[in-house]
């Protein structure tokens, strides 16, 4: 039986590796700013309904 990875490396215990889109969303500052703004708008909407 052939081992597909080297033991005691970072990949040895990894179950899943993030895909290209997940890597992009985690590292792109512009995407994070857009998501931050969207969450803030949701919060403002909820607060505005309550007052």
PDB file of N, CA and C in Angstrom:
ATOM      1  N   UNK A   1       0.839  -1.182   0.000  1.00  0.00           N
ATOM      2  CA  UNK A   1       0.000   0.000   0.000  1.00  0.00           C
ATOM      3  C   UNK A   1       0.883   1.243   0.000  1.00  0.00           C
ATOM      4  N   UNK A   2       0.575   2.159  -0.883  1.00  0.00           N
ATOM      5  CA  UNK A   2       1.379   3.358  -1.042  1.00  0.00           C
ATOM      6  C   UNK A   2       0.774   4.507  -0.231  1.00  0.00           C
ATOM      7  N   UNK A   3       1.603   5.191   0.558  1.00  0.00           N
ATOM      8  CA  UNK A   3       1.146   6.329   1.341  1.00  0.00           C
ATOM      9  C   UNK A   3       1.122   7.550   0.438  1.00  0.00           C
ATOM     10  N   UNK A   4      -0.012   8.283   0.431  1.00  0.00           N
ATOM     11  CA  UNK A   4      -0.164   9.421  -0.461  1.00  0.00           C
ATOM     12  C   UNK A   4       0.365  10.719   0.142  1.00  0.00           C
ATOM     13  N   UNK A   5       0.754  10.713   1.407  1.00  0.00           N
ATOM     14  CA  UNK A   5       1.265  11.910   2.050  1.00  0.00           C
ATOM     15  C   UNK A   5       2.409  11.523   2.975  1.00  0.00           C
ATOM     16  N   UNK A   6       3.183  12.507   3.326  1.00  0.00           N
ATOM     17  CA  UNK A   6       4.280  12.279   4.249  1.00  0.00           C
ATOM     18  C   UNK A   6       3.767  12.458   5.672  1.00  0.00           C
ATOM     19  N   UNK A   7       3.981  11.466   6.536  1.00  0.00           N
ATOM     20  CA  UNK A   7       3.506  11.590   7.915  1.00  0.00           C
ATOM     21  C   UNK A   7       4.159  12.767   8.632  1.00  0.00           C
ATOM     22  N   UNK A   8       3.443  13.338   9.595  1.00  0.00           N
ATOM     23  CA  UNK A   8       3.913  14.447  10.421  1.00  0.00           C
ATOM     24  C   UNK A   8       4.125  15.731   9.624  1.00  0.00           C
ATOM     25  N   UNK A   9       3.398  15.894   8.558  1.00  0.00           N
ATOM     26  CA  UNK A   9       3.412  17.158   7.835  1.00  0.00           C
ATOM     27  C   UNK A   9       2.078  17.848   8.060  1.00  0.00           C
ATOM     28  N   UNK A  10       1.970  19.067   7.584  1.00  0.00           N
ATOM     29  CA  UNK A  10       0.742  19.820   7.780  1.00  0.00           C
ATOM     30  C   UNK A  10      -0.437  19.150   7.073  1.00  0.00           C
ATOM     31  N   UNK A  11      -0.208  18.523   5.938  1.00  0.00           N
ATOM     32  CA  UNK A  11      -1.281  17.887   5.189  1.00  0.00           C
ATOM     33  C   UNK A  11      -1.675  16.519   5.734  1.00  0.00           C
ATOM     34  N   UNK A  12      -0.851  15.959   6.608  1.00  0.00           N
ATOM     35  CA  UNK A  12      -1.119  14.621   7.097  1.00  0.00           C
ATOM     36  C   UNK A  12      -2.422  14.545   7.892  1.00  0.00           C
ATOM     37  N   UNK A  13      -2.764  15.611   8.620  1.00  0.00           N
ATOM     38  CA  UNK A  13      -3.958  15.577   9.456  1.00  0.00           C
ATOM     39  C   UNK A  13      -5.096  16.419   8.895  1.00  0.00           C
ATOM     40  N   UNK A  14      -4.926  16.976   7.731  1.00  0.00           N
ATOM     41  CA  UNK A  14      -5.966  17.835   7.159  1.00  0.00           C
ATOM     42  C   UNK A  14      -7.041  16.976   6.506  1.00  0.00           C
ATOM     43  N   UNK A  15      -8.289  17.249   6.838  1.00  0.00           N
ATOM     44  CA  UNK A  15      -9.390  16.508   6.238  1.00  0.00           C
ATOM     45  C   UNK A  15      -9.823  17.160   4.943  1.00  0.00           C
ATOM     46  N   UNK A  16      -9.944  18.478   4.971  1.00  0.00           N
ATOM     47  CA  UNK A  16     -10.374  19.188   3.782  1.00  0.00           C
ATOM     48  C   UNK A  16      -9.467  20.386   3.545  1.00  0.00           C
ATOM     49  N   UNK A  17      -9.212  20.676   2.309  1.00  0.00           N
ATOM     50  CA  UNK A  17      -8.469  21.871   1.948  1.00  0.00           C
ATOM     51  C   UNK A  17      -9.454  22.847   1.309  1.00  0.00           C
ATOM     52  N   UNK A  18      -9.352  24.143   1.641  1.00  0.00           N
ATOM     53  CA  UNK A  18     -10.280  25.102   1.046  1.00  0.00           C
ATOM     54  C   UNK A  18     -10.040  25.241  -0.451  1.00  0.00           C
ATOM     55  N   UNK A  19     -11.116  25.443  -1.179  1.00  0.00           N
ATOM     56  CA  UNK A  19     -11.025  25.622  -2.617  1.00  0.00           C
ATOM     57  C   UNK A  19     -10.568  27.025  -2.971  1.00  0.00           C
ATOM     58  N   UNK A  20     -10.424  27.297  -4.255  1.00  0.00           N
ATOM     59  CA  UNK A  20      -9.941  28.606  -4.682  1.00  0.00           C
ATOM     60  C   UNK A  20     -10.865  29.758  -4.268  1.00  0.00           C
ATOM     61  N   UNK A  21     -12.180  29.550  -4.338  1.00  0.00           N
ATOM     62  CA  UNK A  21     -13.100  30.622  -3.957  1.00  0.00           C
ATOM     63  C   UNK A  21     -13.024  30.904  -2.460  1.00  0.00           C
ATOM     64  N   UNK A  22     -12.921  29.860  -1.653  1.00  0.00           N
ATOM     65  CA  UNK A  22     -12.812  30.052  -0.209  1.00  0.00           C
ATOM     66  C   UNK A  22     -11.514  30.783   0.137  1.00  0.00           C
ATOM     67  N   UNK A  23     -10.432  30.437  -0.518  1.00  0.00           N
ATOM     68  CA  UNK A  23      -9.165  31.134  -0.283  1.00  0.00           C
ATOM     69  C   UNK A  23      -9.284  32.603  -0.674  1.00  0.00           C
ATOM     70  N   UNK A  24      -9.975  32.870  -1.789  1.00  0.00           N
ATOM     71  CA  UNK A  24     -10.166  34.248  -2.236  1.00  0.00           C
ATOM     72  C   UNK A  24     -10.963  35.044  -1.218  1.00  0.00           C
ATOM     73  N   UNK A  25     -12.079  34.468  -0.726  1.00  0.00           N
ATOM     74  CA  UNK A  25     -12.930  35.205   0.205  1.00  0.00           C
ATOM     75  C   UNK A  25     -12.240  35.441   1.543  1.00  0.00           C
ATOM     76  N   UNK A  26     -11.323  34.584   1.929  1.00  0.00           N
ATOM     77  CA  UNK A  26     -10.625  34.746   3.202  1.00  0.00           C
ATOM     78  C   UNK A  26      -9.480  35.744   3.124  1.00  0.00           C
ATOM     79  N   UNK A  27      -8.940  35.975   1.942  1.00  0.00           N
ATOM     80  CA  UNK A  27      -7.765  36.820   1.825  1.00  0.00           C
ATOM     81  C   UNK A  27      -8.012  38.154   1.132  1.00  0.00           C
ATOM     82  N   UNK A  28      -9.127  38.322   0.442  1.00  0.00           N
ATOM     83  CA  UNK A  28      -9.396  39.543  -0.313  1.00  0.00           C
ATOM     84  C   UNK A  28      -9.985  40.610   0.620  1.00  0.00           C
ATOM     85  N   UNK A  29      -9.256  41.702   0.807  1.00  0.00           N
ATOM     86  CA  UNK A  29      -9.698  42.762   1.703  1.00  0.00           C
ATOM     87  C   UNK A  29     -10.959  43.430   1.164  1.00  0.00           C
ATOM     88  N   UNK A  30     -11.041  43.632  -0.134  1.00  0.00           N
ATOM     89  CA  UNK A  30     -12.218  44.262  -0.727  1.00  0.00           C
ATOM     90  C   UNK A  30     -13.478  43.432  -0.446  1.00  0.00           C
ATOM     91  N   UNK A  31     -13.384  42.115  -0.587  1.00  0.00           N
ATOM     92  CA  UNK A  31     -14.522  41.231  -0.305  1.00  0.00           C
ATOM     93  C   UNK A  31     -14.928  41.344   1.166  1.00  0.00           C
ATOM     94  N   UNK A  32     -13.963  41.423   2.065  1.00  0.00           N
ATOM     95  CA  UNK A  32     -14.268  41.527   3.490  1.00  0.00           C
ATOM     96  C   UNK A  32     -14.951  42.850   3.813  1.00  0.00           C
ATOM     97  N   UNK A  33     -14.571  43.925   3.135  1.00  0.00           N
ATOM     98  CA  UNK A  33     -15.218  45.217   3.337  1.00  0.00           C
ATOM     99  C   UNK A  33     -16.669  45.157   2.875  1.00  0.00           C
ATOM    100  N   UNK A  34     -16.912  44.523   1.733  1.00  0.00           N
ATOM    101  CA  UNK A  34     -18.276  44.388   1.219  1.00  0.00           C
ATOM    102  C   UNK A  34     -19.132  43.574   2.194  1.00  0.00           C
ATOM    103  N   UNK A  35     -18.621  42.473   2.684  1.00  0.00           N
ATOM    104  CA  UNK A  35     -19.376  41.649   3.632  1.00  0.00           C
ATOM    105  C   UNK A  35     -19.634  42.396   4.942  1.00  0.00           C
ATOM    106  N   UNK A  36     -18.646  43.159   5.406  1.00  0.00           N
ATOM    107  CA  UNK A  36     -18.794  43.940   6.624  1.00  0.00           C
ATOM    108  C   UNK A  36     -19.914  44.965   6.456  1.00  0.00           C
ATOM    109  N   UNK A  37     -19.937  45.639   5.319  1.00  0.00           N
ATOM    110  CA  UNK A  37     -20.979  46.624   5.043  1.00  0.00           C
ATOM    111  C   UNK A  37     -22.356  45.958   4.978  1.00  0.00           C
ATOM    112  N   UNK A  38     -22.436  44.787   4.359  1.00  0.00           N
ATOM    113  CA  UNK A  38     -23.712  44.077   4.255  1.00  0.00           C
ATOM    114  C   UNK A  38     -24.225  43.689   5.641  1.00  0.00           C
ATOM    115  N   UNK A  39     -23.349  43.204   6.503  1.00  0.00           N
ATOM    116  CA  UNK A  39     -23.774  42.837   7.857  1.00  0.00           C
ATOM    117  C   UNK A  39     -24.219  44.075   8.633  1.00  0.00           C
ATOM    118  N   UNK A  40     -23.519  45.173   8.466  1.00  0.00           N
ATOM    119  CA  UNK A  40     -23.905  46.409   9.155  1.00  0.00           C
ATOM    120  C   UNK A  40     -25.272  46.884   8.692  1.00  0.00           C
ATOM    121  N   UNK A  41     -25.553  46.784   7.389  1.00  0.00           N
ATOM    122  CA  UNK A  41     -26.872  47.186   6.894  1.00  0.00           C
ATOM    123  C   UNK A  41     -27.980  46.312   7.470  1.00  0.00           C
ATOM    124  N   UNK A  42     -27.705  45.014   7.617  1.00  0.00           N
ATOM    125  CA  UNK A  42     -28.694  44.120   8.223  1.00  0.00           C
ATOM    126  C   UNK A  42     -28.983  44.526   9.669  1.00  0.00           C
ATOM    127  N   UNK A  43     -27.931  44.845  10.403  1.00  0.00           N
ATOM    128  CA  UNK A  43     -28.093  45.236  11.801  1.00  0.00           C
ATOM    129  C   UNK A  43     -28.876  46.548  11.895  1.00  0.00           C
ATOM    130  N   UNK A  44     -28.542  47.499  11.046  1.00  0.00           N
ATOM    131  CA  UNK A  44     -29.247  48.790  11.056  1.00  0.00           C
ATOM    132  C   UNK A  44     -30.722  48.582  10.739  1.00  0.00           C
ATOM    133  N   UNK A  45     -31.010  47.691   9.809  1.00  0.00           N
ATOM    134  CA  UNK A  45     -32.399  47.410   9.436  1.00  0.00           C
ATOM    135  C   UNK A  45     -33.188  46.828  10.623  1.00  0.00           C
ATOM    136  N   UNK A  46     -32.585  45.917  11.337  1.00  0.00           N
ATOM    137  CA  UNK A  46     -33.245  45.296  12.493  1.00  0.00           C
ATOM    138  C   UNK A  46     -33.458  46.330  13.592  1.00  0.00           C
ATOM    139  N   UNK A  47     -32.450  47.151  13.848  1.00  0.00           N
ATOM    140  CA  UNK A  47     -32.563  48.162  14.909  1.00  0.00           C
ATOM    141  C   UNK A  47     -33.610  49.200  14.522  1.00  0.00           C
ATOM    142  N   UNK A  48     -33.649  49.598  13.251  1.00  0.00           N
ATOM    143  CA  UNK A  48     -34.615  50.601  12.797  1.00  0.00           C
ATOM    144  C   UNK A  48     -36.052  50.086  12.934  1.00  0.00           C
ATOM    145  N   UNK A  49     -36.274  48.815  12.720  1.00  0.00           N
ATOM    146  CA  UNK A  49     -37.623  48.247  12.862  1.00  0.00           C
ATOM    147  C   UNK A  49     -38.073  48.260  14.315  1.00  0.00           C
ATOM    148  N   UNK A  50     -37.114  48.096  15.216  1.00  0.00           N
ATOM    149  CA  UNK A  50     -37.456  48.009  16.642  1.00  0.00           C
ATOM    150  C   UNK A  50     -37.704  49.356  17.289  1.00  0.00           C
ATOM    151  N   UNK A  51     -37.270  50.425  16.666  1.00  0.00           N
ATOM    152  CA  UNK A  51     -37.418  51.751  17.299  1.00  0.00           C
ATOM    153  C   UNK A  51     -38.365  52.614  16.551  1.00  0.00           C
TER     154      UNK A  51
END
